[in-house]
């Protein structure tokens, strides 16, 4: 960042010091998470009626951040199976983050939010004022605060979604709050421009 113009009133600098206290004005956090699990849910995928096209999209996005998918499963719409798979991914497979795809809407067979809740994870928010991505869920599991995310279907086909806004912070182990997700309502609509310039645009600039 820089001061424009070249000088600034002393009072403004003093105000910044008061607001920041002992914390720096800016911090650059390194990405810490390197291992992820992807759990694709849905009876259509589980029974082979449609192909799982969600997992490859996530693997590609994670590869941009040098994150390895160490565990992946295709699961039926049964909460107990999804709950067990989340715990297996973290406690046995060493996943530092779990991404659950599918089952995130409001239809009777959309049981993924319930399955995540049943792990005992702390639910930060189910829903975000962002399009694409309104049915996004963010939670943290256990004492180590392992991120468990429920991803809506738009992440599979839309170029940029709420997942792209939240992922960098999650990978840096920078805990996201419900208030911060709510703040994404300012600039939370992707305009689906003919030429995508993200992140050099207004999408997700609420935080």
Protein backbone atom coordinates (compact mmCIF):
# COMPACT_ATOMS: atom_id res chain seq x y z
CA UNK A 1 0.00 0.00 0.00
CA UNK A 2 1.08 3.60 -0.27
CA UNK A 3 0.03 7.09 0.70
CA UNK A 4 -1.47 9.21 -2.06
CA UNK A 5 -0.37 11.99 -2.38
CA UNK A 6 3.18 11.75 -1.07
CA UNK A 7 2.45 13.19 2.38
CA UNK A 8 -0.27 12.69 4.99
CA UNK A 9 -1.42 14.58 8.06
CA UNK A 10 0.15 13.45 11.34
CA UNK A 11 -3.33 13.12 12.86
CA UNK A 12 -4.30 10.44 10.35
CA UNK A 13 -1.20 8.40 11.07
CA UNK A 14 -1.89 8.68 14.79
CA UNK A 15 -5.45 7.47 14.20
CA UNK A 16 -4.11 4.39 12.40
CA UNK A 17 -1.82 3.66 15.35
CA UNK A 18 -4.79 3.86 17.70
CA UNK A 19 -6.88 1.51 15.54
CA UNK A 20 -4.12 -1.06 15.05
CA UNK A 21 -2.61 -1.03 18.53
CA UNK A 22 0.31 -3.46 18.63
CA UNK A 23 -0.74 -5.18 15.42
CA UNK A 24 0.86 -4.27 12.08
CA UNK A 25 -1.18 -2.32 9.58
CA UNK A 26 -0.80 -5.13 7.02
CA UNK A 27 0.12 -8.79 7.37
CA UNK A 28 1.08 -11.34 4.72
CA UNK A 29 0.13 -14.82 5.89
CA UNK A 30 1.67 -17.93 4.28
CA UNK A 31 -0.46 -20.78 3.03
CA UNK A 32 -0.20 -23.61 5.55
CA UNK A 33 -2.70 -26.25 4.45
CA UNK A 34 -1.19 -28.75 2.01
CA UNK A 35 -3.48 -31.78 2.26
CA UNK A 36 -7.19 -31.87 1.45
CA UNK A 37 -10.00 -34.39 1.17
CA UNK A 38 -12.84 -34.21 -1.36
CA UNK A 39 -16.11 -35.97 -0.57
CA UNK A 40 -18.53 -36.01 -3.50
CA UNK A 41 -22.06 -36.70 -2.32
CA UNK A 42 -25.24 -37.53 -4.18
CA UNK A 43 -27.17 -40.68 -5.03
CA UNK A 44 -26.93 -40.00 -8.76
CA UNK A 45 -23.13 -39.97 -8.62
CA UNK A 46 -22.91 -42.80 -6.07
CA UNK A 47 -25.05 -45.13 -8.19
CA UNK A 48 -23.26 -44.19 -11.40
CA UNK A 49 -26.18 -42.46 -13.10
CA UNK A 50 -24.06 -39.36 -13.67
CA UNK A 51 -20.31 -38.83 -13.68
CA UNK A 52 -18.55 -37.01 -10.86
CA UNK A 53 -17.35 -33.87 -12.60
CA UNK A 54 -17.03 -31.89 -9.36
CA UNK A 55 -13.91 -33.55 -7.94
CA UNK A 56 -11.67 -32.81 -10.98
CA UNK A 57 -12.63 -29.12 -10.79
CA UNK A 58 -11.62 -28.97 -7.14
CA UNK A 59 -8.40 -30.87 -7.75
CA UNK A 60 -7.47 -28.32 -10.41
CA UNK A 61 -8.27 -25.35 -8.15
CA UNK A 62 -6.33 -26.85 -5.24
CA UNK A 63 -3.35 -27.62 -7.45
CA UNK A 64 -2.97 -23.88 -8.08
CA UNK A 65 -2.14 -23.59 -4.36
CA UNK A 66 0.02 -26.74 -4.27
CA UNK A 67 -2.58 -28.56 -2.19
CA UNK A 68 -2.69 -32.34 -2.62
CA UNK A 69 -5.95 -34.30 -2.46
CA UNK A 70 -4.97 -37.15 -0.13
CA UNK A 71 -8.43 -38.68 0.20
CA UNK A 72 -11.52 -38.70 -1.99
CA UNK A 73 -14.76 -40.62 -1.83
CA UNK A 74 -18.10 -40.73 -3.61
CA UNK A 75 -20.92 -41.07 -1.10
CA UNK A 76 -24.67 -41.60 -1.10
CA UNK A 77 -27.06 -39.02 0.38
CA UNK A 78 -26.88 -40.65 3.80
CA UNK A 79 -25.78 -38.31 6.61
CA UNK A 80 -24.16 -41.04 8.68
CA UNK A 81 -21.92 -42.07 5.77
CA UNK A 82 -20.86 -38.49 5.07
CA UNK A 83 -20.22 -37.80 8.77
CA UNK A 84 -18.06 -40.92 9.06
CA UNK A 85 -16.13 -40.03 5.91
CA UNK A 86 -15.34 -36.54 7.21
CA UNK A 87 -13.93 -37.98 10.42
CA UNK A 88 -11.96 -40.63 8.52
CA UNK A 89 -10.47 -37.99 6.22
CA UNK A 90 -9.23 -35.92 9.17
CA UNK A 91 -8.40 -38.50 11.82
CA UNK A 92 -7.04 -41.33 9.65
CA UNK A 93 -6.00 -39.84 6.30
CA UNK A 94 -4.38 -36.66 7.60
CA UNK A 95 -6.54 -34.20 5.66
CA UNK A 96 -6.04 -30.61 6.84
CA UNK A 97 -9.20 -29.48 5.05
CA UNK A 98 -12.35 -31.31 3.91
CA UNK A 99 -14.46 -30.23 0.94
CA UNK A 100 -17.95 -31.72 0.67
CA UNK A 101 -19.68 -31.35 -2.69
CA UNK A 102 -23.35 -31.74 -3.46
CA UNK A 103 -26.39 -31.93 -1.21
CA UNK A 104 -26.14 -28.28 -0.18
CA UNK A 105 -29.51 -26.96 -1.34
CA UNK A 106 -32.92 -27.19 0.35
CA UNK A 107 -34.35 -30.33 -1.26
CA UNK A 108 -35.33 -33.21 1.05
CA UNK A 109 -32.37 -35.34 -0.08
CA UNK A 110 -29.81 -32.55 0.48
CA UNK A 111 -28.30 -33.89 3.70
CA UNK A 112 -24.72 -32.64 3.60
CA UNK A 113 -25.21 -29.73 6.04
CA UNK A 114 -26.72 -32.13 8.57
CA UNK A 115 -23.84 -34.55 8.10
CA UNK A 116 -21.28 -31.81 8.71
CA UNK A 117 -23.14 -30.64 11.82
CA UNK A 118 -23.24 -34.21 13.15
CA UNK A 119 -19.44 -34.39 13.20
CA UNK A 120 -19.53 -31.87 16.03
CA UNK A 121 -17.90 -29.22 13.86
CA UNK A 122 -18.50 -25.59 14.78
CA UNK A 123 -20.76 -24.15 12.08
CA UNK A 124 -19.69 -20.62 11.22
CA UNK A 125 -22.38 -20.06 8.60
CA UNK A 126 -24.69 -21.98 6.32
CA UNK A 127 -25.33 -19.46 3.60
CA UNK A 128 -23.38 -16.50 2.23
CA UNK A 129 -24.56 -13.28 0.53
CA UNK A 130 -22.62 -14.16 -2.59
CA UNK A 131 -23.73 -15.20 -6.05
CA UNK A 132 -22.60 -17.65 -7.25
CA UNK A 133 -22.36 -19.51 -3.94
CA UNK A 134 -25.32 -18.60 -1.72
CA UNK A 135 -25.64 -22.10 -0.22
CA UNK A 136 -22.04 -22.25 0.97
CA UNK A 137 -21.26 -23.73 4.41
CA UNK A 138 -18.17 -23.04 6.50
CA UNK A 139 -17.30 -24.93 9.66
CA UNK A 140 -14.29 -25.89 11.77
CA UNK A 141 -13.76 -29.35 13.23
CA UNK A 142 -12.08 -30.22 16.53
CA UNK A 143 -9.44 -28.50 18.61
CA UNK A 144 -7.21 -28.07 15.57
CA UNK A 145 -9.95 -26.06 13.80
CA UNK A 146 -9.82 -28.17 10.63
CA UNK A 147 -11.91 -26.40 7.96
CA UNK A 148 -14.87 -28.43 6.68
CA UNK A 149 -16.60 -26.73 3.75
CA UNK A 150 -19.88 -27.54 2.08
CA UNK A 151 -19.70 -26.40 -1.54
CA UNK A 152 -22.80 -25.62 -3.61
CA UNK A 153 -23.12 -26.91 -7.16
CA UNK A 154 -22.13 -23.59 -8.74
CA UNK A 155 -18.48 -24.21 -7.79
CA UNK A 156 -18.48 -27.00 -10.36
CA UNK A 157 -19.31 -24.82 -13.36
CA UNK A 158 -18.95 -21.12 -12.49
CA UNK A 159 -15.53 -19.62 -13.06
CA UNK A 160 -15.47 -17.65 -9.81
CA UNK A 161 -17.63 -18.23 -6.72
CA UNK A 162 -17.64 -17.76 -2.96
CA UNK A 163 -15.17 -20.65 -2.80
CA UNK A 164 -12.53 -18.56 -4.58
CA UNK A 165 -13.07 -15.74 -2.08
CA UNK A 166 -12.78 -17.91 1.03
CA UNK A 167 -10.16 -20.46 -0.07
CA UNK A 168 -7.01 -18.30 0.29
CA UNK A 169 -7.89 -17.40 3.86
CA UNK A 170 -8.75 -20.98 4.73
CA UNK A 171 -5.43 -22.20 3.34
CA UNK A 172 -3.61 -19.59 5.43
CA UNK A 173 -5.43 -20.86 8.56
CA UNK A 174 -6.90 -17.37 8.99
CA UNK A 175 -10.18 -18.14 10.74
CA UNK A 176 -13.17 -16.63 8.93
CA UNK A 177 -16.06 -15.29 11.01
CA UNK A 178 -19.77 -15.08 10.29
CA UNK A 179 -19.56 -11.28 10.29
CA UNK A 180 -16.83 -11.39 7.67
CA UNK A 181 -18.91 -13.67 5.46
CA UNK A 182 -21.85 -11.30 5.89
CA UNK A 183 -19.64 -8.41 4.76
CA UNK A 184 -19.22 -10.14 1.41
CA UNK A 185 -22.72 -8.91 0.59
CA UNK A 186 -20.99 -5.72 -0.56
CA UNK A 187 -19.61 -6.66 -3.96
CA UNK A 188 -20.93 -10.19 -3.58
CA UNK A 189 -22.40 -10.46 -7.07
CA UNK A 190 -20.14 -11.78 -9.81
CA UNK A 191 -21.03 -9.90 -12.98
CA UNK A 192 -19.91 -12.80 -15.18
CA UNK A 193 -17.93 -10.48 -17.43
CA UNK A 194 -17.09 -11.62 -20.95
CA UNK A 195 -13.41 -11.35 -20.00
CA UNK A 196 -12.80 -12.33 -16.38
CA UNK A 197 -10.28 -10.08 -14.62
CA UNK A 198 -10.70 -11.52 -11.10
CA UNK A 199 -9.26 -10.64 -8.63
CA UNK A 200 -8.81 -7.22 -10.25
CA UNK A 201 -12.53 -6.44 -9.98
CA UNK A 202 -15.18 -5.65 -7.38
CA UNK A 203 -16.23 -9.25 -6.70
CA UNK A 204 -15.83 -10.10 -3.03
CA UNK A 205 -14.24 -6.82 -2.00
CA UNK A 206 -16.52 -6.57 1.05
CA UNK A 207 -13.64 -7.72 3.21
